[in-house]
């Protein structure tokens, strides 16, 4: 039986609110590269001491993600103001989840982008994206339901000023809107 959690204060804006994600950098790693993928505390657990006692504990991942040797997060540089997150409540009463979708546009049409599209199209990932104002690092994907590329489109427009980019949507389904990752971010070191 889950514990009761009480509201002290929820919500509010800073004096100069801004939205969106920091610059345009998101991090991504296939789930098979991890030795541990942290998760928020559960609402219910066989051991009541493991259950969340605050709303923050239901939304924050405080354990570090750890990787196999020589692996870590790769950086994807998206166009400025192209990264966005939408978390939509889905499902029937008593069986609801959130469908999280993170959009990002990667500029160009080079071999590295084409190769990435081929490599990533069927993989499961953990994706991290830092918010602009709060600095919260939002996570798409988990061990149970990794993020996948749910939509992808490569465009080379006919106009000289037109698009030349890959537009990706990374999506997952989760018990909450994309949680906040508070652990250590380990980037891959490429020799």
C-alpha atoms as a PDB file:
ATOM      1  CA  UNK A   1       0.000   0.000   0.000  1.00  0.00           C
ATOM      2  CA  UNK A   2       1.565   3.327  -1.001  1.00  0.00           C
ATOM      3  CA  UNK A   3       2.265   5.920   1.637  1.00  0.00           C
ATOM      4  CA  UNK A   4       0.380   9.209   1.723  1.00  0.00           C
ATOM      5  CA  UNK A   5       2.360  12.141   0.349  1.00  0.00           C
ATOM      6  CA  UNK A   6       1.256  15.620   1.331  1.00  0.00           C
ATOM      7  CA  UNK A   7       1.487  18.877  -0.615  1.00  0.00           C
ATOM      8  CA  UNK A   8       3.478  21.702   0.951  1.00  0.00           C
ATOM      9  CA  UNK A   9       4.029  23.832  -2.160  1.00  0.00           C
ATOM     10  CA  UNK A  10       3.888  22.925  -5.856  1.00  0.00           C
ATOM     11  CA  UNK A  11       4.525  25.058  -8.932  1.00  0.00           C
ATOM     12  CA  UNK A  12       5.496  28.672  -9.436  1.00  0.00           C
ATOM     13  CA  UNK A  13       7.550  30.785 -11.807  1.00  0.00           C
ATOM     14  CA  UNK A  14      10.815  32.654 -11.438  1.00  0.00           C
ATOM     15  CA  UNK A  15      10.801  36.432 -11.885  1.00  0.00           C
ATOM     16  CA  UNK A  16      12.016  36.042 -15.497  1.00  0.00           C
ATOM     17  CA  UNK A  17      10.752  32.673 -16.731  1.00  0.00           C
ATOM     18  CA  UNK A  18      12.233  31.074 -19.816  1.00  0.00           C
ATOM     19  CA  UNK A  19      11.425  27.719 -21.278  1.00  0.00           C
ATOM     20  CA  UNK A  20      13.049  25.247 -23.606  1.00  0.00           C
ATOM     21  CA  UNK A  21      16.235  23.269 -23.448  1.00  0.00           C
ATOM     22  CA  UNK A  22      19.834  24.392 -22.933  1.00  0.00           C
ATOM     23  CA  UNK A  23      21.474  25.294 -26.213  1.00  0.00           C
ATOM     24  CA  UNK A  24      20.842  22.240 -28.329  1.00  0.00           C
ATOM     25  CA  UNK A  25      22.896  19.406 -26.894  1.00  0.00           C
ATOM     26  CA  UNK A  26      21.252  16.125 -26.024  1.00  0.00           C
ATOM     27  CA  UNK A  27      22.989  12.973 -24.874  1.00  0.00           C
ATOM     28  CA  UNK A  28      22.136   9.462 -25.989  1.00  0.00           C
ATOM     29  CA  UNK A  29      23.394   5.944 -25.229  1.00  0.00           C
ATOM     30  CA  UNK A  30      22.061   2.478 -26.127  1.00  0.00           C
ATOM     31  CA  UNK A  31      20.732   0.575 -23.108  1.00  0.00           C
ATOM     32  CA  UNK A  32      23.168  -2.286 -23.725  1.00  0.00           C
ATOM     33  CA  UNK A  33      26.073   0.057 -22.898  1.00  0.00           C
ATOM     34  CA  UNK A  34      24.909   0.436 -19.270  1.00  0.00           C
ATOM     35  CA  UNK A  35      25.738  -1.661 -16.220  1.00  0.00           C
ATOM     36  CA  UNK A  36      23.176   0.271 -14.124  1.00  0.00           C
ATOM     37  CA  UNK A  37      20.289   2.535 -15.089  1.00  0.00           C
ATOM     38  CA  UNK A  38      18.850   4.417 -12.122  1.00  0.00           C
ATOM     39  CA  UNK A  39      15.146   5.139 -11.641  1.00  0.00           C
ATOM     40  CA  UNK A  40      12.921   7.209  -9.361  1.00  0.00           C
ATOM     41  CA  UNK A  41      11.706   5.671  -6.101  1.00  0.00           C
ATOM     42  CA  UNK A  42       8.535   3.589  -6.449  1.00  0.00           C
ATOM     43  CA  UNK A  43       5.113   4.457  -5.008  1.00  0.00           C
ATOM     44  CA  UNK A  44       4.703   0.865  -3.807  1.00  0.00           C
ATOM     45  CA  UNK A  45       7.382  -1.636  -2.782  1.00  0.00           C
ATOM     46  CA  UNK A  46       7.566  -4.885  -0.824  1.00  0.00           C
ATOM     47  CA  UNK A  47       9.875  -2.987   1.521  1.00  0.00           C
ATOM     48  CA  UNK A  48       8.026   0.191   2.595  1.00  0.00           C
ATOM     49  CA  UNK A  49      11.355   1.909   3.427  1.00  0.00           C
ATOM     50  CA  UNK A  50      12.121   1.920  -0.334  1.00  0.00           C
ATOM     51  CA  UNK A  51       8.949   3.840  -1.203  1.00  0.00           C
ATOM     52  CA  UNK A  52       8.938   7.523  -2.111  1.00  0.00           C
ATOM     53  CA  UNK A  53       7.843   9.831   0.693  1.00  0.00           C
ATOM     54  CA  UNK A  54       7.864  13.071  -1.359  1.00  0.00           C
ATOM     55  CA  UNK A  55       6.731  14.078  -4.826  1.00  0.00           C
ATOM     56  CA  UNK A  56      10.382  14.856  -5.668  1.00  0.00           C
ATOM     57  CA  UNK A  57      11.363  11.251  -4.947  1.00  0.00           C
ATOM     58  CA  UNK A  58       8.702  10.098  -7.436  1.00  0.00           C
ATOM     59  CA  UNK A  59      10.240  12.303 -10.151  1.00  0.00           C
ATOM     60  CA  UNK A  60      14.019  12.314  -9.555  1.00  0.00           C
ATOM     61  CA  UNK A  61      16.643   9.720 -10.451  1.00  0.00           C
ATOM     62  CA  UNK A  62      19.434  10.122  -7.900  1.00  0.00           C
ATOM     63  CA  UNK A  63      21.448   6.961  -8.620  1.00  0.00           C
ATOM     64  CA  UNK A  64      24.267   7.336 -11.150  1.00  0.00           C
ATOM     65  CA  UNK A  65      23.933   5.591 -14.482  1.00  0.00           C
ATOM     66  CA  UNK A  66      27.037   3.441 -14.971  1.00  0.00           C
ATOM     67  CA  UNK A  67      28.512   2.059 -18.165  1.00  0.00           C
ATOM     68  CA  UNK A  68      30.563  -0.870 -19.384  1.00  0.00           C
ATOM     69  CA  UNK A  69      34.227  -0.032 -19.989  1.00  0.00           C
ATOM     70  CA  UNK A  70      34.890   2.586 -22.699  1.00  0.00           C
ATOM     71  CA  UNK A  71      31.219   3.549 -23.086  1.00  0.00           C
ATOM     72  CA  UNK A  72      29.209   6.628 -22.122  1.00  0.00           C
ATOM     73  CA  UNK A  73      26.756   9.143 -23.529  1.00  0.00           C
ATOM     74  CA  UNK A  74      27.257  10.442 -27.070  1.00  0.00           C
ATOM     75  CA  UNK A  75      26.430  14.092 -27.767  1.00  0.00           C
ATOM     76  CA  UNK A  76      24.006  15.078 -30.507  1.00  0.00           C
ATOM     77  CA  UNK A  77      24.052  18.760 -31.458  1.00  0.00           C
ATOM     78  CA  UNK A  78      20.591  19.830 -32.522  1.00  0.00           C
ATOM     79  CA  UNK A  79      19.569  23.143 -34.036  1.00  0.00           C
ATOM     80  CA  UNK A  80      18.938  25.892 -31.480  1.00  0.00           C
ATOM     81  CA  UNK A  81      15.293  25.985 -30.382  1.00  0.00           C
ATOM     82  CA  UNK A  82      14.549  22.647 -32.076  1.00  0.00           C
ATOM     83  CA  UNK A  83      14.575  20.468 -28.950  1.00  0.00           C
ATOM     84  CA  UNK A  84      11.187  20.130 -27.282  1.00  0.00           C
ATOM     85  CA  UNK A  85       9.504  17.711 -24.890  1.00  0.00           C
ATOM     86  CA  UNK A  86       5.841  16.717 -24.675  1.00  0.00           C
ATOM     87  CA  UNK A  87       4.498  14.277 -22.053  1.00  0.00           C
ATOM     88  CA  UNK A  88       0.959  13.087 -22.775  1.00  0.00           C
ATOM     89  CA  UNK A  89      -1.250  11.075 -20.414  1.00  0.00           C
ATOM     90  CA  UNK A  90      -2.404   7.918 -22.251  1.00  0.00           C
ATOM     91  CA  UNK A  91      -4.382   4.756 -21.485  1.00  0.00           C
ATOM     92  CA  UNK A  92      -7.598   3.767 -19.757  1.00  0.00           C
ATOM     93  CA  UNK A  93      -8.617   4.620 -16.204  1.00  0.00           C
ATOM     94  CA  UNK A  94      -6.490   2.822 -13.625  1.00  0.00           C
ATOM     95  CA  UNK A  95      -3.957   1.837 -16.345  1.00  0.00           C
ATOM     96  CA  UNK A  96      -2.587   5.239 -17.346  1.00  0.00           C
ATOM     97  CA  UNK A  97       0.968   6.028 -18.390  1.00  0.00           C
ATOM     98  CA  UNK A  98       2.722   9.024 -19.890  1.00  0.00           C
ATOM     99  CA  UNK A  99       3.987   8.970 -23.444  1.00  0.00           C
ATOM    100  CA  UNK A 100       7.099  11.164 -23.569  1.00  0.00           C
ATOM    101  CA  UNK A 101       8.311  12.570 -26.895  1.00  0.00           C
ATOM    102  CA  UNK A 102      11.532  14.548 -27.280  1.00  0.00           C
ATOM    103  CA  UNK A 103      11.971  16.243 -30.660  1.00  0.00           C
ATOM    104  CA  UNK A 104      15.347  17.313 -32.054  1.00  0.00           C
ATOM    105  CA  UNK A 105      16.529  18.524 -35.456  1.00  0.00           C
ATOM    106  CA  UNK A 106      20.109  17.700 -36.468  1.00  0.00           C
ATOM    107  CA  UNK A 107      21.390  19.902 -39.295  1.00  0.00           C
ATOM    108  CA  UNK A 108      23.127  18.483 -42.334  1.00  0.00           C
ATOM    109  CA  UNK A 109      23.054  15.494 -44.627  1.00  0.00           C
ATOM    110  CA  UNK A 110      26.569  14.090 -44.292  1.00  0.00           C
ATOM    111  CA  UNK A 111      27.634  10.477 -44.069  1.00  0.00           C
ATOM    112  CA  UNK A 112      27.892  10.611 -40.270  1.00  0.00           C
ATOM    113  CA  UNK A 113      24.202  11.611 -39.967  1.00  0.00           C
ATOM    114  CA  UNK A 114      23.110   9.014 -42.521  1.00  0.00           C
ATOM    115  CA  UNK A 115      25.166   6.355 -40.729  1.00  0.00           C
ATOM    116  CA  UNK A 116      23.730   7.370 -37.341  1.00  0.00           C
ATOM    117  CA  UNK A 117      20.183   7.074 -38.731  1.00  0.00           C
ATOM    118  CA  UNK A 118      20.910   3.575 -40.011  1.00  0.00           C
ATOM    119  CA  UNK A 119      22.590   2.490 -36.747  1.00  0.00           C
ATOM    120  CA  UNK A 120      19.988   4.012 -34.383  1.00  0.00           C
ATOM    121  CA  UNK A 121      16.697   3.190 -36.124  1.00  0.00           C
ATOM    122  CA  UNK A 122      15.982  -0.028 -34.173  1.00  0.00           C
ATOM    123  CA  UNK A 123      17.904   0.536 -30.925  1.00  0.00           C
ATOM    124  CA  UNK A 124      16.676   1.319 -27.424  1.00  0.00           C
ATOM    125  CA  UNK A 125      18.250   4.328 -25.681  1.00  0.00           C
ATOM    126  CA  UNK A 126      18.530   6.472 -22.603  1.00  0.00           C
ATOM    127  CA  UNK A 127      18.303  10.103 -23.782  1.00  0.00           C
ATOM    128  CA  UNK A 128      19.163  13.137 -21.621  1.00  0.00           C
ATOM    129  CA  UNK A 129      18.233  16.767 -22.358  1.00  0.00           C
ATOM    130  CA  UNK A 130      18.955  19.703 -19.986  1.00  0.00           C
ATOM    131  CA  UNK A 131      16.260  22.346 -19.490  1.00  0.00           C
ATOM    132  CA  UNK A 132      17.261  25.986 -19.968  1.00  0.00           C
ATOM    133  CA  UNK A 133      16.033  27.788 -16.845  1.00  0.00           C
ATOM    134  CA  UNK A 134      16.031  25.080 -14.176  1.00  0.00           C
ATOM    135  CA  UNK A 135      19.016  23.086 -15.411  1.00  0.00           C
ATOM    136  CA  UNK A 136      16.978  19.933 -14.802  1.00  0.00           C
ATOM    137  CA  UNK A 137      18.218  17.085 -16.967  1.00  0.00           C
ATOM    138  CA  UNK A 138      15.155  15.305 -18.328  1.00  0.00           C
ATOM    139  CA  UNK A 139      15.434  11.611 -19.192  1.00  0.00           C
ATOM    140  CA  UNK A 140      13.609   9.747 -21.930  1.00  0.00           C
ATOM    141  CA  UNK A 141      13.813   5.957 -21.698  1.00  0.00           C
ATOM    142  CA  UNK A 142      14.352   3.458 -18.912  1.00  0.00           C
ATOM    143  CA  UNK A 143      15.614  -0.086 -18.570  1.00  0.00           C
ATOM    144  CA  UNK A 144      12.021  -1.384 -18.710  1.00  0.00           C
ATOM    145  CA  UNK A 145      10.966   0.765 -21.696  1.00  0.00           C
ATOM    146  CA  UNK A 146      13.957   2.258 -23.525  1.00  0.00           C
ATOM    147  CA  UNK A 147      13.509   5.329 -25.694  1.00  0.00           C
ATOM    148  CA  UNK A 148      13.320   4.606 -29.397  1.00  0.00           C
ATOM    149  CA  UNK A 149      13.231   6.761 -32.477  1.00  0.00           C
ATOM    150  CA  UNK A 150       9.461   6.883 -32.924  1.00  0.00           C
ATOM    151  CA  UNK A 151       9.598   9.299 -35.843  1.00  0.00           C
ATOM    152  CA  UNK A 152      12.427  10.220 -38.179  1.00  0.00           C
ATOM    153  CA  UNK A 153      12.638  12.243 -41.338  1.00  0.00           C
ATOM    154  CA  UNK A 154      15.615  13.295 -43.430  1.00  0.00           C
ATOM    155  CA  UNK A 155      14.879  16.366 -45.529  1.00  0.00           C
ATOM    156  CA  UNK A 156      16.765  18.106 -48.291  1.00  0.00           C
ATOM    157  CA  UNK A 157      14.431  20.839 -49.492  1.00  0.00           C
ATOM    158  CA  UNK A 158      14.504  22.001 -53.126  1.00  0.00           C
ATOM    159  CA  UNK A 159      14.890  25.677 -52.152  1.00  0.00           C
ATOM    160  CA  UNK A 160      18.396  27.036 -51.514  1.00  0.00           C
ATOM    161  CA  UNK A 161      17.209  28.385 -48.143  1.00  0.00           C
ATOM    162  CA  UNK A 162      15.261  25.188 -47.350  1.00  0.00           C
ATOM    163  CA  UNK A 163      15.829  22.485 -44.781  1.00  0.00           C
ATOM    164  CA  UNK A 164      18.822  20.186 -44.895  1.00  0.00           C
ATOM    165  CA  UNK A 165      18.363  18.185 -41.709  1.00  0.00           C
ATOM    166  CA  UNK A 166      17.316  15.069 -39.848  1.00  0.00           C
ATOM    167  CA  UNK A 167      14.224  15.523 -37.653  1.00  0.00           C
ATOM    168  CA  UNK A 168      13.994  12.915 -34.870  1.00  0.00           C
ATOM    169  CA  UNK A 169      11.454  12.132 -32.189  1.00  0.00           C
ATOM    170  CA  UNK A 170      12.716   9.974 -29.319  1.00  0.00           C
ATOM    171  CA  UNK A 171       9.828   8.456 -27.381  1.00  0.00           C
ATOM    172  CA  UNK A 172       9.030   6.218 -24.444  1.00  0.00           C
ATOM    173  CA  UNK A 173       6.163   5.304 -22.152  1.00  0.00           C
ATOM    174  CA  UNK A 174       6.654   5.835 -18.437  1.00  0.00           C
ATOM    175  CA  UNK A 175       4.733   6.029 -15.171  1.00  0.00           C
ATOM    176  CA  UNK A 176       5.480   9.774 -15.098  1.00  0.00           C
ATOM    177  CA  UNK A 177       6.396  12.630 -17.387  1.00  0.00           C
ATOM    178  CA  UNK A 178      10.095  12.376 -18.311  1.00  0.00           C
ATOM    179  CA  UNK A 179      11.878  12.166 -14.932  1.00  0.00           C
ATOM    180  CA  UNK A 180      14.731  14.408 -13.793  1.00  0.00           C
ATOM    181  CA  UNK A 181      18.186  12.786 -13.786  1.00  0.00           C
ATOM    182  CA  UNK A 182      20.336  14.052 -10.876  1.00  0.00           C
ATOM    183  CA  UNK A 183      23.215  11.575 -11.187  1.00  0.00           C
ATOM    184  CA  UNK A 184      26.633  11.767 -12.818  1.00  0.00           C
ATOM    185  CA  UNK A 185      26.662  12.231 -16.610  1.00  0.00           C
ATOM    186  CA  UNK A 186      29.449  10.135 -18.154  1.00  0.00           C
ATOM    187  CA  UNK A 187      30.336  11.013 -21.733  1.00  0.00           C
ATOM    188  CA  UNK A 188      32.010   8.573 -24.091  1.00  0.00           C
ATOM    189  CA  UNK A 189      35.685   9.231 -24.777  1.00  0.00           C
ATOM    190  CA  UNK A 190      36.371   8.806 -28.468  1.00  0.00           C
ATOM    191  CA  UNK A 191      40.035   8.046 -29.215  1.00  0.00           C
END
